Amino acid sequence: MCFTPGPNNLLCAAHGSQHGFRATIPMTLGMLVGWSSLGIAVGLGTVYIEENQEIFKALTW
């Protein structure tokens, strides 16, 4: 986790204060999987757009 007070960090802190550290671990891992999946999807989408010149030209027009 990073140290900026974003919504995920605040949610983890609130959940941890109410339910404890062990109950917060699955939620934190779920957030990690979600953000990792999002990063991979954006990266693959960017590569796909860069490789297809028609789409790239349409987006940069």
N, C-alpha and C. Protein backbone atom coordinates (compact mmCIF):
# COMPACT_ATOMS: atom_id res chain seq x y z
N MET A 1 0.84 -1.18 0.00
CA MET A 1 0.00 0.00 0.00
C MET A 1 0.88 1.24 0.00
N CYS A 2 0.37 2.27 -0.60
CA CYS A 2 1.09 3.54 -0.60
C CYS A 2 0.63 4.38 0.59
N PHE A 3 1.23 5.51 0.75
CA PHE A 3 0.97 6.33 1.92
C PHE A 3 0.10 7.54 1.63
N THR A 4 -0.51 7.59 0.47
CA THR A 4 -1.42 8.70 0.19
C THR A 4 -2.83 8.30 0.60
N PRO A 5 -3.63 9.21 1.10
CA PRO A 5 -4.96 8.84 1.60
C PRO A 5 -6.00 8.73 0.49
N GLY A 6 -5.87 7.70 -0.32
CA GLY A 6 -6.85 7.45 -1.37
C GLY A 6 -8.02 6.66 -0.81
N PRO A 7 -9.03 6.40 -1.63
CA PRO A 7 -10.21 5.69 -1.15
C PRO A 7 -9.92 4.26 -0.70
N ASN A 8 -9.03 3.57 -1.39
CA ASN A 8 -8.71 2.20 -0.98
C ASN A 8 -8.00 2.18 0.37
N ASN A 9 -7.08 3.09 0.57
CA ASN A 9 -6.35 3.13 1.84
C ASN A 9 -7.28 3.49 2.99
N LEU A 10 -8.17 4.45 2.76
CA LEU A 10 -9.12 4.81 3.82
C LEU A 10 -10.07 3.66 4.12
N LEU A 11 -10.51 2.94 3.09
CA LEU A 11 -11.37 1.79 3.30
C LEU A 11 -10.65 0.70 4.08
N CYS A 12 -9.40 0.44 3.75
CA CYS A 12 -8.62 -0.56 4.50
C CYS A 12 -8.43 -0.14 5.95
N ALA A 13 -8.16 1.12 6.18
CA ALA A 13 -7.98 1.60 7.55
C ALA A 13 -9.27 1.48 8.35
N ALA A 14 -10.39 1.86 7.74
CA ALA A 14 -11.67 1.78 8.44
C ALA A 14 -12.05 0.32 8.71
N HIS A 15 -11.85 -0.53 7.71
CA HIS A 15 -12.19 -1.95 7.88
C HIS A 15 -11.28 -2.59 8.93
N GLY A 16 -10.01 -2.24 8.90
CA GLY A 16 -9.08 -2.78 9.88
C GLY A 16 -9.39 -2.34 11.30
N SER A 17 -9.82 -1.10 11.47
CA SER A 17 -10.14 -0.62 12.82
C SER A 17 -11.41 -1.27 13.36
N GLN A 18 -12.33 -1.65 12.48
CA GLN A 18 -13.57 -2.26 12.93
C GLN A 18 -13.48 -3.78 13.07
N HIS A 19 -12.72 -4.43 12.17
CA HIS A 19 -12.73 -5.89 12.13
C HIS A 19 -11.40 -6.53 12.45
N GLY A 20 -10.35 -5.76 12.55
CA GLY A 20 -9.04 -6.32 12.87
C GLY A 20 -8.19 -6.57 11.64
N PHE A 21 -6.93 -6.84 11.92
CA PHE A 21 -5.95 -7.00 10.85
C PHE A 21 -6.23 -8.22 9.99
N ARG A 22 -6.48 -9.36 10.62
CA ARG A 22 -6.67 -10.60 9.86
C ARG A 22 -7.89 -10.56 8.96
N ALA A 23 -8.95 -9.91 9.39
CA ALA A 23 -10.15 -9.82 8.57
C ALA A 23 -9.96 -8.86 7.40
N THR A 24 -8.97 -8.00 7.48
CA THR A 24 -8.73 -7.02 6.43
C THR A 24 -7.82 -7.56 5.34
N ILE A 25 -7.08 -8.61 5.61
CA ILE A 25 -6.14 -9.15 4.63
C ILE A 25 -6.84 -9.58 3.33
N PRO A 26 -7.96 -10.32 3.35
CA PRO A 26 -8.60 -10.68 2.08
C PRO A 26 -9.05 -9.47 1.26
N MET A 27 -9.53 -8.44 1.93
CA MET A 27 -9.95 -7.24 1.22
C MET A 27 -8.74 -6.55 0.58
N THR A 28 -7.65 -6.48 1.29
CA THR A 28 -6.44 -5.87 0.76
C THR A 28 -5.90 -6.67 -0.43
N LEU A 29 -5.94 -7.99 -0.34
CA LEU A 29 -5.50 -8.81 -1.47
C LEU A 29 -6.43 -8.64 -2.66
N GLY A 30 -7.72 -8.49 -2.41
CA GLY A 30 -8.67 -8.23 -3.49
C GLY A 30 -8.39 -6.91 -4.18
N MET A 31 -8.05 -5.90 -3.40
CA MET A 31 -7.69 -4.61 -4.00
C MET A 31 -6.41 -4.74 -4.83
N LEU A 32 -5.46 -5.51 -4.34
CA LEU A 32 -4.22 -5.73 -5.08
C LEU A 32 -4.50 -6.42 -6.41
N VAL A 33 -5.33 -7.45 -6.38
CA VAL A 33 -5.68 -8.17 -7.61
C VAL A 33 -6.42 -7.24 -8.58
N GLY A 34 -7.33 -6.44 -8.05
CA GLY A 34 -8.08 -5.51 -8.90
C GLY A 34 -7.19 -4.49 -9.57
N TRP A 35 -6.31 -3.86 -8.81
CA TRP A 35 -5.42 -2.85 -9.39
C TRP A 35 -4.42 -3.48 -10.35
N SER A 36 -3.95 -4.68 -10.03
CA SER A 36 -3.02 -5.36 -10.93
C SER A 36 -3.71 -5.71 -12.25
N SER A 37 -4.93 -6.21 -12.16
CA SER A 37 -5.70 -6.54 -13.37
C SER A 37 -5.95 -5.30 -14.21
N LEU A 38 -6.27 -4.21 -13.56
CA LEU A 38 -6.50 -2.96 -14.28
C LEU A 38 -5.22 -2.49 -14.98
N GLY A 39 -4.10 -2.57 -14.30
CA GLY A 39 -2.83 -2.17 -14.90
C GLY A 39 -2.46 -3.04 -16.10
N ILE A 40 -2.67 -4.34 -15.98
CA ILE A 40 -2.38 -5.25 -17.09
C ILE A 40 -3.30 -4.96 -18.27
N ALA A 41 -4.59 -4.76 -18.00
CA ALA A 41 -5.54 -4.48 -19.07
C ALA A 41 -5.20 -3.18 -19.80
N VAL A 42 -4.83 -2.15 -19.06
CA VAL A 42 -4.45 -0.88 -19.68
C VAL A 42 -3.18 -1.05 -20.51
N GLY A 43 -2.21 -1.77 -19.98
CA GLY A 43 -0.98 -2.00 -20.72
C GLY A 43 -1.21 -2.77 -22.00
N LEU A 44 -2.00 -3.84 -21.93
CA LEU A 44 -2.28 -4.63 -23.13
C LEU A 44 -3.10 -3.82 -24.14
N GLY A 45 -4.03 -3.03 -23.65
CA GLY A 45 -4.82 -2.18 -24.54
C GLY A 45 -3.97 -1.14 -25.24
N THR A 46 -3.02 -0.58 -24.52
CA THR A 46 -2.12 0.41 -25.12
C THR A 46 -1.26 -0.22 -26.21
N VAL A 47 -0.73 -1.40 -25.94
CA VAL A 47 0.07 -2.10 -26.94
C VAL A 47 -0.77 -2.43 -28.16
N TYR A 48 -2.00 -2.88 -27.95
CA TYR A 48 -2.90 -3.21 -29.07
C TYR A 48 -3.18 -1.99 -29.93
N ILE A 49 -3.43 -0.87 -29.28
CA ILE A 49 -3.72 0.36 -30.03
C ILE A 49 -2.49 0.83 -30.80
N GLU A 50 -1.32 0.74 -30.19
CA GLU A 50 -0.10 1.17 -30.88
C GLU A 50 0.23 0.28 -32.07
N GLU A 51 -0.12 -1.01 -32.01
CA GLU A 51 0.19 -1.92 -33.10
C GLU A 51 -0.80 -1.80 -34.26
N ASN A 52 -2.01 -1.35 -34.01
CA ASN A 52 -3.01 -1.19 -35.06
C ASN A 52 -3.08 0.27 -35.46
N GLN A 53 -2.49 0.57 -36.60
CA GLN A 53 -2.35 1.96 -37.02
C GLN A 53 -3.69 2.64 -37.31
N GLU A 54 -4.69 1.88 -37.77
CA GLU A 54 -5.99 2.50 -38.05
C GLU A 54 -6.62 3.03 -36.76
N ILE A 55 -6.57 2.23 -35.73
CA ILE A 55 -7.13 2.65 -34.45
C ILE A 55 -6.32 3.81 -33.88
N PHE A 56 -5.00 3.70 -33.99
CA PHE A 56 -4.12 4.75 -33.46
C PHE A 56 -4.37 6.08 -34.16
N LYS A 57 -4.51 6.04 -35.48
CA LYS A 57 -4.78 7.27 -36.23
C LYS A 57 -6.15 7.85 -35.89
N ALA A 58 -7.13 6.97 -35.70
CA ALA A 58 -8.47 7.45 -35.34
C ALA A 58 -8.48 8.12 -33.97
N LEU A 59 -7.70 7.60 -33.05
CA LEU A 59 -7.66 8.18 -31.71
C LEU A 59 -6.82 9.45 -31.63
N THR A 60 -5.82 9.56 -32.50
CA THR A 60 -4.96 10.75 -32.46
C THR A 60 -5.44 11.84 -33.40
N TRP A 61 -6.50 11.63 -34.11
CA TRP A 61 -7.02 12.61 -35.05
C TRP A 61 -7.53 13.81 -34.38
